[in-house]
Amino acid sequence: MKGLEKNLIAKFNRFFYFIFWGFYFSAGYFFCKNKNNSFLMSIN
């Protein structure tokens, strides 16, 4: 039972890290994209 619990926690942690990094990178990507677009528009 203890091993199963450990396995579940490990799976949950991996899932959480995946969600966190996916959100982090997508947020950073969209932020940079929007920043660059407004930057290009200000030049024009």
C-alpha atoms as a PDB file:
ATOM      1  CA  MET A   1       0.000   0.000   0.000  1.00  0.00           C
ATOM      2  CA  LYS A   2       2.833   2.350   0.850  1.00  0.00           C
ATOM      3  CA  GLY A   3       4.516   1.776  -2.525  1.00  0.00           C
ATOM      4  CA  LEU A   4       1.289   2.510  -4.374  1.00  0.00           C
ATOM      5  CA  GLU A   5       0.887   5.743  -2.440  1.00  0.00           C
ATOM      6  CA  LYS A   6       4.439   6.778  -3.318  1.00  0.00           C
ATOM      7  CA  ASN A   7       3.809   5.959  -6.972  1.00  0.00           C
ATOM      8  CA  LEU A   8       0.633   8.043  -6.999  1.00  0.00           C
ATOM      9  CA  ILE A   9       2.416  11.001  -5.437  1.00  0.00           C
ATOM     10  CA  ALA A  10       5.250  10.720  -7.980  1.00  0.00           C
ATOM     11  CA  LYS A  11       2.738  10.638 -10.845  1.00  0.00           C
ATOM     12  CA  PHE A  12       0.885  13.627  -9.415  1.00  0.00           C
ATOM     13  CA  ASN A  13       4.131  15.583  -9.027  1.00  0.00           C
ATOM     14  CA  ARG A  14       5.143  14.847 -12.613  1.00  0.00           C
ATOM     15  CA  PHE A  15       1.706  15.914 -13.834  1.00  0.00           C
ATOM     16  CA  PHE A  16       1.902  19.101 -11.755  1.00  0.00           C
ATOM     17  CA  TYR A  17       5.372  19.951 -13.086  1.00  0.00           C
ATOM     18  CA  PHE A  18       4.189  19.339 -16.650  1.00  0.00           C
ATOM     19  CA  ILE A  19       1.218  21.692 -16.175  1.00  0.00           C
ATOM     20  CA  PHE A  20       3.416  24.295 -14.460  1.00  0.00           C
ATOM     21  CA  TRP A  21       6.121  24.366 -17.144  1.00  0.00           C
ATOM     22  CA  GLY A  22       3.557  24.228 -19.954  1.00  0.00           C
ATOM     23  CA  PHE A  23       1.760  27.222 -18.476  1.00  0.00           C
ATOM     24  CA  TYR A  24       5.050  29.029 -17.782  1.00  0.00           C
ATOM     25  CA  PHE A  25       6.377  28.638 -21.325  1.00  0.00           C
ATOM     26  CA  SER A  26       3.068  29.428 -23.049  1.00  0.00           C
ATOM     27  CA  ALA A  27       2.593  32.528 -20.884  1.00  0.00           C
ATOM     28  CA  GLY A  28       6.154  33.667 -21.617  1.00  0.00           C
ATOM     29  CA  TYR A  29       5.684  32.976 -25.329  1.00  0.00           C
ATOM     30  CA  PHE A  30       2.439  34.935 -25.580  1.00  0.00           C
ATOM     31  CA  PHE A  31       3.883  37.762 -23.476  1.00  0.00           C
ATOM     32  CA  CYS A  32       6.910  38.095 -25.781  1.00  0.00           C
ATOM     33  CA  LYS A  33       4.718  37.830 -28.880  1.00  0.00           C
ATOM     34  CA  ASN A  34       2.409  40.605 -27.671  1.00  0.00           C
ATOM     35  CA  LYS A  35       5.371  42.725 -26.583  1.00  0.00           C
ATOM     36  CA  ASN A  36       7.033  42.351 -29.988  1.00  0.00           C
ATOM     37  CA  ASN A  37       3.810  43.157 -31.846  1.00  0.00           C
ATOM     38  CA  SER A  38       3.248  46.357 -29.886  1.00  0.00           C
ATOM     39  CA  PHE A  39       6.940  47.202 -30.319  1.00  0.00           C
ATOM     40  CA  LEU A  40       6.711  46.781 -34.109  1.00  0.00           C
ATOM     41  CA  MET A  41       3.517  48.834 -34.235  1.00  0.00           C
ATOM     42  CA  SER A  42       5.134  51.663 -32.287  1.00  0.00           C
ATOM     43  CA  ILE A  43       7.960  51.795 -34.878  1.00  0.00           C
ATOM     44  CA  ASN A  44       5.475  52.019 -37.752  1.00  0.00           C
END
